[in-house]
PDB file of N, CA and C in Angstrom:
ATOM      1  N   MET A   1       1.344  -1.557  -0.018  1.00  0.00           N
ATOM      2  CA  MET A   1       0.401  -0.196  -0.054  1.00  0.00           C
ATOM      3  C   MET A   1       0.537   1.051  -0.755  1.00  0.00           C
ATOM      4  N   ALA A   2       0.383   2.535  -1.107  1.00  0.00           N
ATOM      5  CA  ALA A   2       1.744   3.538  -1.200  1.00  0.00           C
ATOM      6  C   ALA A   2       0.957   4.260   0.277  1.00  0.00           C
ATOM      7  N   GLN A   3       1.979   4.743   0.630  1.00  0.00           N
ATOM      8  CA  GLN A   3       1.231   5.785   2.157  1.00  0.00           C
ATOM      9  C   GLN A   3       0.840   6.971   1.377  1.00  0.00           C
ATOM     10  N   THR A   4       0.505   8.073   2.715  1.00  0.00           N
ATOM     11  CA  THR A   4       0.455   9.738   1.845  1.00  0.00           C
ATOM     12  C   THR A   4       1.719  10.618   2.525  1.00  0.00           C
ATOM     13  N   ILE A   5       1.383  11.110   1.133  1.00  0.00           N
ATOM     14  CA  ILE A   5       2.731  12.369   1.562  1.00  0.00           C
ATOM     15  C   ILE A   5       1.804  13.254   1.473  1.00  0.00           C
ATOM     16  N   ARG A   6       1.857  14.036   2.377  1.00  0.00           N
ATOM     17  CA  ARG A   6       1.621  15.510   2.676  1.00  0.00           C
ATOM     18  C   ARG A   6       2.243  16.731   1.909  1.00  0.00           C
ATOM     19  N   TYR A   7       2.139  17.764   2.613  1.00  0.00           N
ATOM     20  CA  TYR A   7       3.451  18.711   1.722  1.00  0.00           C
ATOM     21  C   TYR A   7       2.760  20.337   2.636  1.00  0.00           C
ATOM     22  N   VAL A   8       4.076  20.222   3.112  1.00  0.00           N
ATOM     23  CA  VAL A   8       3.382  22.550   3.890  1.00  0.00           C
ATOM     24  C   VAL A   8       5.158  22.854   3.439  1.00  0.00           C
ATOM     25  N   LYS A   9       4.227  24.398   3.511  1.00  0.00           N
ATOM     26  CA  LYS A   9       5.281  25.213   2.726  1.00  0.00           C
ATOM     27  C   LYS A   9       4.508  26.764   3.550  1.00  0.00           C
ATOM     28  N   GLU A  10       5.775  27.163   3.495  1.00  0.00           N
ATOM     29  CA  GLU A  10       5.034  29.028   4.023  1.00  0.00           C
ATOM     30  C   GLU A  10       4.144  29.728   3.573  1.00  0.00           C
ATOM     31  N   THR A  11       3.969  29.555   2.648  1.00  0.00           N
ATOM     32  CA  THR A  11       3.090  30.091   1.800  1.00  0.00           C
ATOM     33  C   THR A  11       1.869  28.893   1.326  1.00  0.00           C
ATOM     34  N   GLY A  12       2.006  28.431   1.337  1.00  0.00           N
ATOM     35  CA  GLY A  12       0.818  27.565   1.220  1.00  0.00           C
ATOM     36  C   GLY A  12      -0.201  27.522   1.698  1.00  0.00           C
ATOM     37  N   SER A  13      -1.535  27.023   1.303  1.00  0.00           N
ATOM     38  CA  SER A  13      -2.853  27.354   2.031  1.00  0.00           C
ATOM     39  C   SER A  13      -4.311  26.470   1.493  1.00  0.00           C
ATOM     40  N   GLY A  14      -3.406  25.061   1.446  1.00  0.00           N
ATOM     41  CA  GLY A  14      -4.502  24.754   0.790  1.00  0.00           C
ATOM     42  C   GLY A  14      -4.829  23.111   1.703  1.00  0.00           C
ATOM     43  N   ASP A  15      -4.011  21.650   1.162  1.00  0.00           N
ATOM     44  CA  ASP A  15      -4.854  20.725   2.031  1.00  0.00           C
ATOM     45  C   ASP A  15      -3.362  19.734   2.147  1.00  0.00           C
ATOM     46  N   GLY A  16      -2.657  20.628   1.333  1.00  0.00           N
ATOM     47  CA  GLY A  16      -1.485  19.252   1.786  1.00  0.00           C
ATOM     48  C   GLY A  16      -1.685  18.233   1.208  1.00  0.00           C
ATOM     49  N   SER A  17      -2.311  18.333  -0.454  1.00  0.00           N
ATOM     50  CA  SER A  17      -2.134  16.871  -1.439  1.00  0.00           C
ATOM     51  C   SER A  17      -0.667  16.759  -2.268  1.00  0.00           C
ATOM     52  N   SER A  18      -0.123  18.748  -2.074  1.00  0.00           N
ATOM     53  CA  SER A  18       0.307  18.415  -3.621  1.00  0.00           C
ATOM     54  C   SER A  18       1.182  19.946  -2.836  1.00  0.00           C
ATOM     55  N   TRP A  19       2.888  19.842  -3.800  1.00  0.00           N
ATOM     56  CA  TRP A  19       2.984  21.316  -3.340  1.00  0.00           C
ATOM     57  C   TRP A  19       2.202  22.296  -4.129  1.00  0.00           C
ATOM     58  N   ASN A  20       0.963  22.325  -4.633  1.00  0.00           N
ATOM     59  CA  ASN A  20       0.715  22.640  -5.213  1.00  0.00           C
ATOM     60  C   ASN A  20      -0.562  23.654  -4.098  1.00  0.00           C
ATOM     61  N   ASN A  21      -1.074  22.282  -4.220  1.00  0.00           N
ATOM     62  CA  ASN A  21      -1.660  22.797  -2.813  1.00  0.00           C
ATOM     63  C   ASN A  21      -1.093  22.367  -1.594  1.00  0.00           C
ATOM     64  N   ALA A  22       0.033  23.112  -1.003  1.00  0.00           N
ATOM     65  CA  ALA A  22       0.639  22.056  -0.075  1.00  0.00           C
ATOM     66  C   ALA A  22      -0.094  23.820   1.665  1.00  0.00           C
ATOM     67  N   SER A  23      -0.264  22.850   2.616  1.00  0.00           N
ATOM     68  CA  SER A  23      -0.372  24.102   4.028  1.00  0.00           C
ATOM     69  C   SER A  23       0.466  24.170   4.180  1.00  0.00           C
ATOM     70  N   ASN A  24      -0.016  25.004   5.128  1.00  0.00           N
ATOM     71  CA  ASN A  24       0.871  26.142   6.048  1.00  0.00           C
ATOM     72  C   ASN A  24       0.732  26.136   7.623  1.00  0.00           C
ATOM     73  N   ASP A  25       0.101  24.549   7.774  1.00  0.00           N
ATOM     74  CA  ASP A  25       0.557  24.297   9.245  1.00  0.00           C
ATOM     75  C   ASP A  25       0.379  22.505   9.323  1.00  0.00           C
ATOM     76  N   LEU A  26       1.628  22.582   9.678  1.00  0.00           N
ATOM     77  CA  LEU A  26       2.481  21.733  10.174  1.00  0.00           C
ATOM     78  C   LEU A  26       1.986  20.936  10.813  1.00  0.00           C
ATOM     79  N   GLN A  27       2.053  21.077  12.128  1.00  0.00           N
ATOM     80  CA  GLN A  27       0.954  20.453  13.390  1.00  0.00           C
ATOM     81  C   GLN A  27      -0.666  19.786  12.106  1.00  0.00           C
ATOM     82  N   ALA A  28      -0.633  20.726  11.694  1.00  0.00           N
ATOM     83  CA  ALA A  28      -2.530  19.553  11.287  1.00  0.00           C
ATOM     84  C   ALA A  28      -2.241  18.663  10.000  1.00  0.00           C
ATOM     85  N   MET A  29      -0.926  18.491   9.136  1.00  0.00           N
ATOM     86  CA  MET A  29       0.080  17.572   8.637  1.00  0.00           C
ATOM     87  C   MET A  29       0.653  16.530   8.447  1.00  0.00           C
ATOM     88  N   ILE A  30       1.243  16.401  10.347  1.00  0.00           N
ATOM     89  CA  ILE A  30       1.386  15.954  10.889  1.00  0.00           C
ATOM     90  C   ILE A  30       0.119  15.136  11.287  1.00  0.00           C
ATOM     91  N   ASP A  31      -0.244  14.889  12.248  1.00  0.00           N
ATOM     92  CA  ASP A  31      -2.002  14.793  12.502  1.00  0.00           C
ATOM     93  C   ASP A  31      -2.257  14.193  11.654  1.00  0.00           C
ATOM     94  N   ALA A  32      -2.786  14.424  10.797  1.00  0.00           N
ATOM     95  CA  ALA A  32      -3.056  13.312   8.919  1.00  0.00           C
ATOM     96  C   ALA A  32      -2.357  12.590   8.678  1.00  0.00           C
ATOM     97  N   VAL A  33      -1.444  12.550   8.851  1.00  0.00           N
ATOM     98  CA  VAL A  33      -0.464  11.383   8.150  1.00  0.00           C
ATOM     99  C   VAL A  33      -0.625  10.235  10.085  1.00  0.00           C
ATOM    100  N   SER A  34      -0.156  10.661  10.626  1.00  0.00           N
ATOM    101  CA  SER A  34      -0.433  10.567  11.817  1.00  0.00           C
ATOM    102  C   SER A  34      -1.474   9.324  11.833  1.00  0.00           C
ATOM    103  N   ALA A  35      -2.682  10.221  11.784  1.00  0.00           N
ATOM    104  CA  ALA A  35      -4.932   9.539  11.425  1.00  0.00           C
ATOM    105  C   ALA A  35      -4.646   7.971  10.758  1.00  0.00           C
ATOM    106  N   ASP A  36      -3.554   7.791  10.069  1.00  0.00           N
ATOM    107  CA  ASP A  36      -3.730   7.176   9.004  1.00  0.00           C
ATOM    108  C   ASP A  36      -2.998   5.414   9.182  1.00  0.00           C
ATOM    109  N   PRO A  37      -4.277   4.781   9.405  1.00  0.00           N
ATOM    110  CA  PRO A  37      -2.941   3.984   9.967  1.00  0.00           C
ATOM    111  C   PRO A  37      -2.100   3.096   9.163  1.00  0.00           C
ATOM    112  N   ASN A  38      -1.654   3.091   7.541  1.00  0.00           N
ATOM    113  CA  ASN A  38      -0.874   3.354   6.922  1.00  0.00           C
ATOM    114  C   ASN A  38       0.702   3.688   7.232  1.00  0.00           C
ATOM    115  N   GLY A  39      -0.016   4.863   7.595  1.00  0.00           N
ATOM    116  CA  GLY A  39       1.199   5.973   8.180  1.00  0.00           C
ATOM    117  C   GLY A  39       1.126   6.588   7.546  1.00  0.00           C
ATOM    118  N   GLY A  40       3.016   7.333   6.806  1.00  0.00           N
ATOM    119  CA  GLY A  40       2.399   8.446   5.482  1.00  0.00           C
ATOM    120  C   GLY A  40       3.769   9.036   5.859  1.00  0.00           C
ATOM    121  N   GLU A  41       4.378  10.191   4.887  1.00  0.00           N
ATOM    122  CA  GLU A  41       5.339  10.852   5.747  1.00  0.00           C
ATOM    123  C   GLU A  41       4.538  12.007   5.067  1.00  0.00           C
ATOM    124  N   VAL A  42       5.193  13.604   5.893  1.00  0.00           N
ATOM    125  CA  VAL A  42       5.460  15.351   5.454  1.00  0.00           C
ATOM    126  C   VAL A  42       6.526  16.018   5.003  1.00  0.00           C
ATOM    127  N   TRP A  43       5.972  16.326   4.038  1.00  0.00           N
ATOM    128  CA  TRP A  43       7.759  17.073   3.976  1.00  0.00           C
ATOM    129  C   TRP A  43       7.257  18.494   3.583  1.00  0.00           C
ATOM    130  N   VAL A  44       8.333  18.938   4.071  1.00  0.00           N
ATOM    131  CA  VAL A  44       8.938  20.423   4.190  1.00  0.00           C
ATOM    132  C   VAL A  44       9.212  21.424   3.668  1.00  0.00           C
ATOM    133  N   ALA A  45       8.699  22.405   2.967  1.00  0.00           N
ATOM    134  CA  ALA A  45       9.962  23.025   2.263  1.00  0.00           C
ATOM    135  C   ALA A  45      10.413  24.302   2.363  1.00  0.00           C
ATOM    136  N   GLN A  46      11.377  24.917   2.660  1.00  0.00           N
ATOM    137  CA  GLN A  46      12.249  26.008   3.434  1.00  0.00           C
ATOM    138  C   GLN A  46      11.513  26.712   3.973  1.00  0.00           C
ATOM    139  N   GLY A  47      11.623  27.373   4.776  1.00  0.00           N
ATOM    140  CA  GLY A  47      11.687  28.182   5.256  1.00  0.00           C
ATOM    141  C   GLY A  47      11.007  28.311   6.738  1.00  0.00           C
ATOM    142  N   THR A  48      10.329  29.077   7.149  1.00  0.00           N
ATOM    143  CA  THR A  48      10.026  28.644   9.399  1.00  0.00           C
ATOM    144  C   THR A  48       9.131  28.691   9.464  1.00  0.00           C
ATOM    145  N   TYR A  49       8.886  27.199  11.362  1.00  0.00           N
ATOM    146  CA  TYR A  49       7.510  26.714  11.024  1.00  0.00           C
ATOM    147  C   TYR A  49       7.392  26.966  12.491  1.00  0.00           C
ATOM    148  N   TYR A  50       6.108  27.386  13.131  1.00  0.00           N
ATOM    149  CA  TYR A  50       5.886  28.276  14.513  1.00  0.00           C
ATOM    150  C   TYR A  50       4.830  26.421  14.691  1.00  0.00           C
ATOM    151  N   PRO A  51       5.061  26.283  16.151  1.00  0.00           N
ATOM    152  CA  PRO A  51       3.450  24.943  16.468  1.00  0.00           C
ATOM    153  C   PRO A  51       2.911  25.671  17.250  1.00  0.00           C
ATOM    154  N   SER A  52       2.618  26.997  17.205  1.00  0.00           N
ATOM    155  CA  SER A  52       1.569  27.986  17.623  1.00  0.00           C
ATOM    156  C   SER A  52       1.492  29.471  17.224  1.00  0.00           C
ATOM    157  N   LYS A  53       0.379  29.951  17.429  1.00  0.00           N
ATOM    158  CA  LYS A  53       0.618  30.820  17.118  1.00  0.00           C
ATOM    159  C   LYS A  53       1.526  32.535  18.084  1.00  0.00           C
ATOM    160  N   THR A  54       0.884  31.604  19.027  1.00  0.00           N
ATOM    161  CA  THR A  54       1.858  32.898  19.849  1.00  0.00           C
ATOM    162  C   THR A  54       3.160  32.934  20.231  1.00  0.00           C
ATOM    163  N   ASN A  55       4.038  32.200  18.948  1.00  0.00           N
ATOM    164  CA  ASN A  55       5.158  31.858  18.985  1.00  0.00           C
ATOM    165  C   ASN A  55       6.569  31.677  20.390  1.00  0.00           C
ATOM    166  N   ASN A  56       5.429  31.400  20.693  1.00  0.00           N
ATOM    167  CA  ASN A  56       6.023  30.928  23.063  1.00  0.00           C
ATOM    168  C   ASN A  56       6.786  29.551  21.951  1.00  0.00           C
ATOM    169  N   ARG A  57       7.775  30.286  22.996  1.00  0.00           N
ATOM    170  CA  ARG A  57       9.234  28.733  23.125  1.00  0.00           C
ATOM    171  C   ARG A  57       9.441  27.508  23.443  1.00  0.00           C
ATOM    172  N   ASP A  58       7.945  27.509  24.539  1.00  0.00           N
ATOM    173  CA  ASP A  58       8.207  26.404  24.731  1.00  0.00           C
ATOM    174  C   ASP A  58       6.918  25.574  24.398  1.00  0.00           C
ATOM    175  N   ASP A  59       6.340  25.431  22.897  1.00  0.00           N
ATOM    176  CA  ASP A  59       5.210  25.499  22.630  1.00  0.00           C
ATOM    177  C   ASP A  59       6.318  24.340  21.265  1.00  0.00           C
ATOM    178  N   PHE A  60       5.430  23.164  21.068  1.00  0.00           N
ATOM    179  CA  PHE A  60       6.163  21.771  20.110  1.00  0.00           C
ATOM    180  C   PHE A  60       5.133  21.023  19.045  1.00  0.00           C
ATOM    181  N   PHE A  61       5.617  21.085  17.879  1.00  0.00           N
ATOM    182  CA  PHE A  61       5.357  20.083  17.347  1.00  0.00           C
ATOM    183  C   PHE A  61       5.276  18.843  18.041  1.00  0.00           C
ATOM    184  N   ARG A  62       3.807  17.879  17.983  1.00  0.00           N
ATOM    185  CA  ARG A  62       3.646  16.850  18.720  1.00  0.00           C
ATOM    186  C   ARG A  62       3.535  15.716  17.575  1.00  0.00           C
ATOM    187  N   ILE A  63       4.267  14.657  17.277  1.00  0.00           N
ATOM    188  CA  ILE A  63       4.147  13.275  17.166  1.00  0.00           C
ATOM    189  C   ILE A  63       3.309  12.508  17.603  1.00  0.00           C
ATOM    190  N   LYS A  64       2.338  11.507  16.815  1.00  0.00           N
ATOM    191  CA  LYS A  64       1.941  11.011  17.868  1.00  0.00           C
ATOM    192  C   LYS A  64       1.681   9.674  17.366  1.00  0.00           C
ATOM    193  N   ALA A  65       2.630   9.580  16.216  1.00  0.00           N
ATOM    194  CA  ALA A  65       2.803   7.804  15.942  1.00  0.00           C
ATOM    195  C   ALA A  65       3.585   7.152  15.517  1.00  0.00           C
ATOM    196  N   ASN A  66       4.407   5.911  15.407  1.00  0.00           N
ATOM    197  CA  ASN A  66       5.772   5.914  15.326  1.00  0.00           C
ATOM    198  C   ASN A  66       5.557   5.766  13.395  1.00  0.00           C
ATOM    199  N   ASN A  67       4.441   5.646  13.057  1.00  0.00           N
ATOM    200  CA  ASN A  67       4.140   5.709  11.405  1.00  0.00           C
ATOM    201  C   ASN A  67       4.516   6.236  10.357  1.00  0.00           C
ATOM    202  N   ILE A  68       5.302   8.013  11.242  1.00  0.00           N
ATOM    203  CA  ILE A  68       4.958   8.888   9.886  1.00  0.00           C
ATOM    204  C   ILE A  68       7.368   9.080  10.417  1.00  0.00           C
ATOM    205  N   LYS A  69       7.410   9.713   8.777  1.00  0.00           N
ATOM    206  CA  LYS A  69       8.190  10.358   8.551  1.00  0.00           C
ATOM    207  C   LYS A  69       8.003  11.880   8.199  1.00  0.00           C
ATOM    208  N   LEU A  70       9.208  12.914   8.867  1.00  0.00           N
ATOM    209  CA  LEU A  70       8.545  13.877   8.662  1.00  0.00           C
ATOM    210  C   LEU A  70      10.157  13.775   7.934  1.00  0.00           C
ATOM    211  N   TYR A  71      10.555  14.780   6.635  1.00  0.00           N
ATOM    212  CA  TYR A  71      11.884  14.942   5.723  1.00  0.00           C
ATOM    213  C   TYR A  71      11.310  16.819   5.607  1.00  0.00           C
ATOM    214  N   GLY A  72      12.662  17.985   5.679  1.00  0.00           N
ATOM    215  CA  GLY A  72      13.133  19.196   5.070  1.00  0.00           C
ATOM    216  C   GLY A  72      14.077  18.648   4.525  1.00  0.00           C
ATOM    217  N   GLY A  73      13.937  20.300   4.265  1.00  0.00           N
ATOM    218  CA  GLY A  73      14.750  20.002   2.857  1.00  0.00           C
ATOM    219  C   GLY A  73      14.318  20.549   1.737  1.00  0.00           C
ATOM    220  N   PHE A  74      13.501  20.490   1.295  1.00  0.00           N
ATOM    221  CA  PHE A  74      13.034  20.802  -0.053  1.00  0.00           C
ATOM    222  C   PHE A  74      11.724  22.149  -0.367  1.00  0.00           C
ATOM    223  N   GLU A  75      12.065  22.931  -1.747  1.00  0.00           N
ATOM    224  CA  GLU A  75      12.445  24.162  -2.195  1.00  0.00           C
ATOM    225  C   GLU A  75      10.914  24.439  -1.940  1.00  0.00           C
ATOM    226  N   GLY A  76      10.126  23.277  -3.014  1.00  0.00           N
ATOM    227  CA  GLY A  76       8.647  22.968  -2.220  1.00  0.00           C
ATOM    228  C   GLY A  76       8.063  23.731  -3.509  1.00  0.00           C
ATOM    229  N   THR A  77       8.762  23.074  -4.893  1.00  0.00           N
ATOM    230  CA  THR A  77       8.166  23.493  -6.096  1.00  0.00           C
ATOM    231  C   THR A  77       7.722  22.118  -7.047  1.00  0.00           C
ATOM    232  N   THR A  78       7.871  21.372  -7.031  1.00  0.00           N
ATOM    233  CA  THR A  78       8.222  19.830  -8.243  1.00  0.00           C
ATOM    234  C   THR A  78       8.762  19.208  -7.291  1.00  0.00           C
ATOM    235  N   GLU A  79       9.468  18.904  -6.488  1.00  0.00           N
ATOM    236  CA  GLU A  79      10.206  17.104  -5.699  1.00  0.00           C
ATOM    237  C   GLU A  79       8.551  16.764  -5.995  1.00  0.00           C
ATOM    238  N   THR A  80       9.798  15.402  -6.311  1.00  0.00           N
ATOM    239  CA  THR A  80       9.009  14.050  -6.146  1.00  0.00           C
ATOM    240  C   THR A  80       9.941  13.250  -5.802  1.00  0.00           C
ATOM    241  N   SER A  81      11.149  13.078  -5.118  1.00  0.00           N
ATOM    242  CA  SER A  81      11.335  12.108  -4.839  1.00  0.00           C
ATOM    243  C   SER A  81      12.759  12.392  -3.360  1.00  0.00           C
ATOM    244  N   ILE A  82      12.456  11.873  -2.027  1.00  0.00           N
ATOM    245  CA  ILE A  82      13.265  12.348  -1.286  1.00  0.00           C
ATOM    246  C   ILE A  82      14.706  12.630  -1.670  1.00  0.00           C
ATOM    247  N   SER A  83      15.244  12.605  -2.935  1.00  0.00           N
ATOM    248  CA  SER A  83      16.557  12.112  -3.399  1.00  0.00           C
ATOM    249  C   SER A  83      16.953  14.126  -4.068  1.00  0.00           C
ATOM    250  N   GLN A  84      15.426  14.141  -3.729  1.00  0.00           N
ATOM    251  CA  GLN A  84      15.961  15.780  -5.028  1.00  0.00           C
ATOM    252  C   GLN A  84      15.961  17.177  -3.780  1.00  0.00           C
ATOM    253  N   ARG A  85      15.765  16.623  -2.387  1.00  0.00           N
ATOM    254  CA  ARG A  85      15.753  18.141  -1.536  1.00  0.00           C
ATOM    255  C   ARG A  85      17.033  18.056  -1.074  1.00  0.00           C
ATOM    256  N   ASP A  86      17.486  19.288  -0.801  1.00  0.00           N
ATOM    257  CA  ASP A  86      18.882  19.822  -0.306  1.00  0.00           C
ATOM    258  C   ASP A  86      18.627  20.639   1.092  1.00  0.00           C
ATOM    259  N   ILE A  87      19.593  19.494   1.576  1.00  0.00           N
ATOM    260  CA  ILE A  87      18.816  19.839   3.211  1.00  0.00           C
ATOM    261  C   ILE A  87      20.445  20.598   3.739  1.00  0.00           C
ATOM    262  N   VAL A  88      21.269  21.931   2.483  1.00  0.00           N
ATOM    263  CA  VAL A  88      22.420  22.041   2.712  1.00  0.00           C
ATOM    264  C   VAL A  88      21.423  23.884   2.275  1.00  0.00           C
ATOM    265  N   ASN A  89      20.298  23.720   1.403  1.00  0.00           N
ATOM    266  CA  ASN A  89      20.265  25.206   0.373  1.00  0.00           C
ATOM    267  C   ASN A  89      18.723  25.541   0.871  1.00  0.00           C
ATOM    268  N   ASN A  90      17.687  24.520   1.376  1.00  0.00           N
ATOM    269  CA  ASN A  90      16.268  24.994   2.316  1.00  0.00           C
ATOM    270  C   ASN A  90      16.847  24.062   3.584  1.00  0.00           C
ATOM    271  N   VAL A  91      16.850  25.179   4.233  1.00  0.00           N
ATOM    272  CA  VAL A  91      16.803  25.094   5.441  1.00  0.00           C
ATOM    273  C   VAL A  91      16.091  25.859   6.105  1.00  0.00           C
ATOM    274  N   LEU A  92      15.355  24.855   7.634  1.00  0.00           N
ATOM    275  CA  LEU A  92      14.295  24.421   8.327  1.00  0.00           C
ATOM    276  C   LEU A  92      14.000  26.001   9.573  1.00  0.00           C
ATOM    277  N   CYS A  93      14.607  27.055   8.719  1.00  0.00           N
ATOM    278  CA  CYS A  93      14.711  28.325  10.149  1.00  0.00           C
ATOM    279  C   CYS A  93      15.421  29.735   9.259  1.00  0.00           C
ATOM    280  N   ASP A  94      14.866  30.173  10.148  1.00  0.00           N
ATOM    281  CA  ASP A  94      16.275  31.813   9.902  1.00  0.00           C
ATOM    282  C   ASP A  94      17.491  31.771  11.069  1.00  0.00           C
TER     283      ASP A  94
END
């Protein structure tokens, strides 16, 4: 069975089903993949992501299942393979 991939980028406003429909809500995409009995992956484009709207440093992202993989280092446009990510140039924070 194919695992679900959810896509996240700072400028996203979609449901996370593709780079064109990426979400900007990393926690929501982690939760969506965690809820899938087959697990899946969350691909995250370069940018800065916060676990809450308050930017409280004591807040955190919560991964609720063992069946997910979280990958960063994507430009967030056309990547279709993990091997296409560039973790040196597409960092996840400022």
